[in-house]
């Protein structure tokens, strides 16, 4: 069950990094609230998962999910480039996350 919470926490990391695009120096209150809620939930779930999963593994997986998810949001919604090399590097991150899961 800890892995479920860790993955969910990684998805909320995508939420807080995406929210950062819109906070406008924390003057946009609705996006600032979305950021604060997302970062709180994300960190809480990371902490909860790390009670069972080794901290280094939990943090690497959490950060990897956030990084890959944020890149995919950037490609899908903000017109960021989606070249072959970028896709291959994303696959490397996904493979590393899967590898950490397999050895834990």
N, C-alpha and C. Protein backbone atom coordinates (compact mmCIF):
# COMPACT_ATOMS: atom_id res chain seq x y z
N UNK A 1 0.82 -1.20 0.00
CA UNK A 1 0.00 0.00 0.00
C UNK A 1 0.86 1.27 0.00
N UNK A 2 2.07 1.16 0.56
CA UNK A 2 2.97 2.32 0.60
C UNK A 2 3.32 2.79 -0.81
N UNK A 3 3.46 1.84 -1.74
CA UNK A 3 3.78 2.22 -3.11
C UNK A 3 2.64 3.00 -3.75
N UNK A 4 1.41 2.63 -3.43
CA UNK A 4 0.26 3.39 -3.94
C UNK A 4 0.32 4.83 -3.47
N UNK A 5 0.59 5.03 -2.16
CA UNK A 5 0.65 6.39 -1.60
C UNK A 5 1.81 7.17 -2.19
N UNK A 6 2.91 6.47 -2.44
CA UNK A 6 4.07 7.14 -3.04
C UNK A 6 3.76 7.60 -4.46
N UNK A 7 3.13 6.74 -5.24
CA UNK A 7 2.76 7.12 -6.62
C UNK A 7 1.78 8.28 -6.60
N UNK A 8 0.79 8.22 -5.72
CA UNK A 8 -0.17 9.31 -5.61
C UNK A 8 0.53 10.61 -5.20
N UNK A 9 1.47 10.51 -4.28
CA UNK A 9 2.25 11.69 -3.89
C UNK A 9 3.03 12.26 -5.06
N UNK A 10 3.58 11.39 -5.90
CA UNK A 10 4.29 11.85 -7.10
C UNK A 10 3.37 12.57 -8.06
N UNK A 11 2.13 12.10 -8.16
CA UNK A 11 1.17 12.78 -9.03
C UNK A 11 0.79 14.15 -8.48
N UNK A 12 0.70 14.26 -7.16
CA UNK A 12 0.45 15.59 -6.57
C UNK A 12 1.67 16.50 -6.75
N UNK A 13 2.86 15.92 -6.87
CA UNK A 13 4.03 16.74 -7.19
C UNK A 13 3.86 17.37 -8.57
N UNK A 14 3.32 16.62 -9.50
CA UNK A 14 3.02 17.19 -10.82
C UNK A 14 2.05 18.35 -10.67
N UNK A 15 1.09 18.20 -9.77
CA UNK A 15 0.13 19.28 -9.52
C UNK A 15 0.79 20.53 -8.99
N UNK A 16 1.72 20.38 -8.04
CA UNK A 16 2.31 21.60 -7.50
C UNK A 16 3.32 22.23 -8.44
N UNK A 17 4.03 21.42 -9.23
CA UNK A 17 4.95 22.04 -10.19
C UNK A 17 4.19 22.73 -11.31
N UNK A 18 3.08 22.15 -11.72
CA UNK A 18 2.25 22.79 -12.75
C UNK A 18 1.63 24.07 -12.21
N UNK A 19 1.19 24.05 -10.97
CA UNK A 19 0.61 25.25 -10.35
C UNK A 19 1.60 26.40 -10.31
N UNK A 20 2.88 26.08 -10.14
CA UNK A 20 3.89 27.13 -10.06
C UNK A 20 3.91 28.00 -11.31
N UNK A 21 3.51 27.42 -12.43
CA UNK A 21 3.49 28.18 -13.69
C UNK A 21 2.51 29.35 -13.62
N UNK A 22 1.51 29.25 -12.76
CA UNK A 22 0.41 30.22 -12.74
C UNK A 22 0.32 31.07 -11.48
N UNK A 23 1.17 30.85 -10.48
CA UNK A 23 1.00 31.57 -9.21
C UNK A 23 1.32 33.06 -9.32
N UNK A 24 2.11 33.45 -10.32
CA UNK A 24 2.42 34.87 -10.56
C UNK A 24 2.95 35.55 -9.29
N UNK A 25 4.05 35.01 -8.79
CA UNK A 25 4.64 35.60 -7.59
C UNK A 25 3.75 35.44 -6.37
N UNK A 26 2.93 34.42 -6.37
CA UNK A 26 1.95 34.12 -5.31
C UNK A 26 0.90 35.21 -5.17
N UNK A 27 0.66 35.94 -6.27
CA UNK A 27 -0.41 36.94 -6.27
C UNK A 27 -1.72 36.36 -6.81
N UNK A 28 -1.64 35.28 -7.57
CA UNK A 28 -2.84 34.62 -8.07
C UNK A 28 -3.28 33.62 -7.00
N UNK A 29 -4.29 34.02 -6.23
CA UNK A 29 -4.67 33.26 -5.03
C UNK A 29 -5.19 31.86 -5.33
N UNK A 30 -5.94 31.68 -6.39
CA UNK A 30 -6.48 30.35 -6.66
C UNK A 30 -5.36 29.37 -7.02
N UNK A 31 -4.40 29.80 -7.83
CA UNK A 31 -3.29 28.90 -8.16
C UNK A 31 -2.34 28.74 -6.99
N UNK A 32 -2.20 29.79 -6.18
CA UNK A 32 -1.38 29.66 -4.98
C UNK A 32 -1.98 28.64 -4.03
N UNK A 33 -3.29 28.67 -3.87
CA UNK A 33 -3.97 27.69 -3.02
C UNK A 33 -3.79 26.28 -3.60
N UNK A 34 -3.94 26.13 -4.92
CA UNK A 34 -3.73 24.84 -5.56
C UNK A 34 -2.30 24.34 -5.32
N UNK A 35 -1.34 25.24 -5.42
CA UNK A 35 0.06 24.89 -5.14
C UNK A 35 0.22 24.42 -3.71
N UNK A 36 -0.28 25.20 -2.76
CA UNK A 36 -0.10 24.86 -1.34
C UNK A 36 -0.78 23.54 -0.97
N UNK A 37 -1.97 23.31 -1.48
CA UNK A 37 -2.67 22.06 -1.20
C UNK A 37 -1.91 20.89 -1.82
N UNK A 38 -1.48 21.04 -3.07
CA UNK A 38 -0.77 19.97 -3.76
C UNK A 38 0.56 19.64 -3.09
N UNK A 39 1.32 20.67 -2.73
CA UNK A 39 2.62 20.41 -2.11
C UNK A 39 2.45 19.78 -0.73
N UNK A 40 1.43 20.19 0.00
CA UNK A 40 1.18 19.60 1.32
C UNK A 40 0.82 18.13 1.20
N UNK A 41 -0.09 17.82 0.31
CA UNK A 41 -0.51 16.42 0.12
C UNK A 41 0.67 15.59 -0.39
N UNK A 42 1.40 16.12 -1.36
CA UNK A 42 2.52 15.41 -1.94
C UNK A 42 3.58 15.06 -0.89
N UNK A 43 3.96 16.05 -0.11
CA UNK A 43 4.97 15.82 0.93
C UNK A 43 4.46 14.87 2.01
N UNK A 44 3.21 15.02 2.39
CA UNK A 44 2.64 14.14 3.41
C UNK A 44 2.63 12.68 2.93
N UNK A 45 2.28 12.48 1.67
CA UNK A 45 2.26 11.12 1.14
C UNK A 45 3.67 10.55 1.00
N UNK A 46 4.63 11.38 0.62
CA UNK A 46 6.02 10.95 0.58
C UNK A 46 6.48 10.52 1.98
N UNK A 47 6.17 11.33 2.96
CA UNK A 47 6.57 11.00 4.34
C UNK A 47 5.92 9.70 4.79
N UNK A 48 4.65 9.54 4.48
CA UNK A 48 3.92 8.34 4.88
C UNK A 48 4.51 7.09 4.20
N UNK A 49 4.78 7.17 2.91
CA UNK A 49 5.34 6.04 2.18
C UNK A 49 6.74 5.70 2.68
N UNK A 50 7.50 6.73 3.06
CA UNK A 50 8.88 6.51 3.51
C UNK A 50 8.95 5.84 4.87
N UNK A 51 7.83 5.66 5.53
CA UNK A 51 7.82 4.88 6.77
C UNK A 51 8.07 3.40 6.48
N UNK A 52 7.72 2.98 5.26
CA UNK A 52 7.85 1.58 4.86
C UNK A 52 8.94 1.40 3.80
N UNK A 53 8.95 2.27 2.82
CA UNK A 53 9.92 2.20 1.71
C UNK A 53 11.17 2.94 2.15
N UNK A 54 12.36 2.41 1.84
CA UNK A 54 13.58 3.15 2.20
C UNK A 54 13.53 4.59 1.65
N UNK A 55 13.97 5.54 2.47
CA UNK A 55 13.83 6.96 2.14
C UNK A 55 14.46 7.32 0.80
N UNK A 56 15.66 6.84 0.54
CA UNK A 56 16.32 7.15 -0.73
C UNK A 56 15.53 6.65 -1.92
N UNK A 57 15.02 5.45 -1.82
CA UNK A 57 14.19 4.89 -2.89
C UNK A 57 12.91 5.68 -3.04
N UNK A 58 12.25 5.95 -1.92
CA UNK A 58 10.98 6.70 -1.96
C UNK A 58 11.18 8.07 -2.60
N UNK A 59 12.23 8.77 -2.20
CA UNK A 59 12.46 10.10 -2.75
C UNK A 59 12.78 10.06 -4.24
N UNK A 60 13.60 9.09 -4.65
CA UNK A 60 13.96 8.97 -6.06
C UNK A 60 12.73 8.65 -6.91
N UNK A 61 11.89 7.75 -6.44
CA UNK A 61 10.69 7.39 -7.19
C UNK A 61 9.73 8.57 -7.24
N UNK A 62 9.51 9.21 -6.09
CA UNK A 62 8.61 10.37 -5.99
C UNK A 62 9.08 11.48 -6.93
N UNK A 63 10.38 11.78 -6.88
CA UNK A 63 10.93 12.83 -7.75
C UNK A 63 10.87 12.44 -9.22
N UNK A 64 11.10 11.17 -9.52
CA UNK A 64 11.03 10.70 -10.90
C UNK A 64 9.63 10.80 -11.47
N UNK A 65 8.65 10.40 -10.66
CA UNK A 65 7.26 10.52 -11.10
C UNK A 65 6.92 11.98 -11.35
N UNK A 66 7.33 12.84 -10.44
CA UNK A 66 7.07 14.27 -10.61
C UNK A 66 7.76 14.84 -11.84
N UNK A 67 9.01 14.43 -12.06
CA UNK A 67 9.75 14.95 -13.21
C UNK A 67 9.13 14.48 -14.53
N UNK A 68 8.87 13.20 -14.64
CA UNK A 68 8.28 12.67 -15.87
C UNK A 68 6.89 13.27 -16.09
N UNK A 69 6.09 13.30 -15.03
CA UNK A 69 4.74 13.86 -15.15
C UNK A 69 4.75 15.31 -15.55
N UNK A 70 5.67 16.08 -14.98
CA UNK A 70 5.75 17.50 -15.30
C UNK A 70 6.19 17.71 -16.75
N UNK A 71 7.13 16.90 -17.22
CA UNK A 71 7.55 16.98 -18.62
C UNK A 71 6.37 16.66 -19.54
N UNK A 72 5.62 15.61 -19.20
CA UNK A 72 4.48 15.23 -20.03
C UNK A 72 3.39 16.30 -20.04
N UNK A 73 3.15 16.93 -18.90
CA UNK A 73 2.19 18.05 -18.84
C UNK A 73 2.69 19.19 -19.72
N UNK A 74 3.98 19.48 -19.64
CA UNK A 74 4.55 20.54 -20.47
C UNK A 74 4.39 20.27 -21.95
N UNK A 75 4.60 19.02 -22.34
CA UNK A 75 4.44 18.65 -23.76
C UNK A 75 2.97 18.73 -24.16
N UNK A 76 2.10 18.17 -23.34
CA UNK A 76 0.68 18.06 -23.69
C UNK A 76 -0.05 19.40 -23.66
N UNK A 77 0.30 20.28 -22.72
CA UNK A 77 -0.51 21.48 -22.51
C UNK A 77 0.20 22.80 -22.77
N UNK A 78 1.54 22.79 -22.81
CA UNK A 78 2.26 24.06 -22.90
C UNK A 78 3.20 24.14 -24.10
N UNK A 79 3.05 23.22 -25.03
CA UNK A 79 3.81 23.28 -26.28
C UNK A 79 5.30 23.07 -26.14
N UNK A 80 5.72 22.39 -25.09
CA UNK A 80 7.14 22.11 -24.94
C UNK A 80 7.55 21.05 -25.96
N UNK A 81 8.81 21.05 -26.39
CA UNK A 81 9.24 20.11 -27.43
C UNK A 81 9.16 18.65 -26.97
N UNK A 82 8.89 17.77 -27.92
CA UNK A 82 8.76 16.33 -27.63
C UNK A 82 9.62 15.54 -28.61
N UNK A 83 10.88 15.84 -28.66
CA UNK A 83 11.77 15.18 -29.61
C UNK A 83 12.14 13.76 -29.19
N UNK A 84 12.80 13.06 -30.08
CA UNK A 84 13.19 11.68 -29.85
C UNK A 84 14.15 11.55 -28.67
N UNK A 85 15.15 12.40 -28.60
CA UNK A 85 16.12 12.33 -27.50
C UNK A 85 15.42 12.58 -26.17
N UNK A 86 14.53 13.54 -26.14
CA UNK A 86 13.78 13.83 -24.90
C UNK A 86 12.95 12.62 -24.49
N UNK A 87 12.30 11.99 -25.45
CA UNK A 87 11.49 10.80 -25.15
C UNK A 87 12.36 9.67 -24.63
N UNK A 88 13.52 9.49 -25.21
CA UNK A 88 14.43 8.44 -24.74
C UNK A 88 14.92 8.71 -23.31
N UNK A 89 15.20 9.96 -23.02
CA UNK A 89 15.64 10.31 -21.67
C UNK A 89 14.52 10.12 -20.65
N UNK A 90 13.30 10.41 -21.04
CA UNK A 90 12.15 10.14 -20.17
C UNK A 90 12.03 8.64 -19.91
N UNK A 91 12.24 7.84 -20.94
CA UNK A 91 12.20 6.39 -20.77
C UNK A 91 13.29 5.90 -19.81
N UNK A 92 14.44 6.55 -19.83
CA UNK A 92 15.51 6.19 -18.89
C UNK A 92 15.05 6.45 -17.45
N UNK A 93 14.40 7.58 -17.23
CA UNK A 93 13.88 7.88 -15.89
C UNK A 93 12.84 6.84 -15.48
N UNK A 94 11.93 6.51 -16.38
CA UNK A 94 10.90 5.51 -16.08
C UNK A 94 11.55 4.16 -15.78
N UNK A 95 12.56 3.79 -16.54
CA UNK A 95 13.26 2.52 -16.30
C UNK A 95 13.95 2.53 -14.94
N UNK A 96 14.53 3.66 -14.57
CA UNK A 96 15.18 3.75 -13.26
C UNK A 96 14.15 3.62 -12.14
N UNK A 97 12.99 4.25 -12.30
CA UNK A 97 11.93 4.13 -11.30
C UNK A 97 11.49 2.68 -11.18
N UNK A 98 11.26 2.03 -12.32
CA UNK A 98 10.85 0.62 -12.31
C UNK A 98 11.94 -0.24 -11.66
N UNK A 99 13.19 0.03 -11.96
CA UNK A 99 14.28 -0.72 -11.37
C UNK A 99 14.32 -0.56 -9.86
N UNK A 100 14.14 0.64 -9.37
CA UNK A 100 14.11 0.86 -7.93
C UNK A 100 12.96 0.10 -7.28
N UNK A 101 11.83 0.08 -7.97
CA UNK A 101 10.66 -0.65 -7.44
C UNK A 101 10.96 -2.14 -7.38
N UNK A 102 11.62 -2.67 -8.40
CA UNK A 102 11.90 -4.10 -8.47
C UNK A 102 12.90 -4.55 -7.40
N UNK A 103 13.86 -3.70 -7.05
CA UNK A 103 14.85 -4.13 -6.07
C UNK A 103 14.46 -3.80 -4.63
N UNK A 104 13.36 -3.08 -4.45
CA UNK A 104 12.94 -2.71 -3.09
C UNK A 104 12.06 -3.79 -2.47
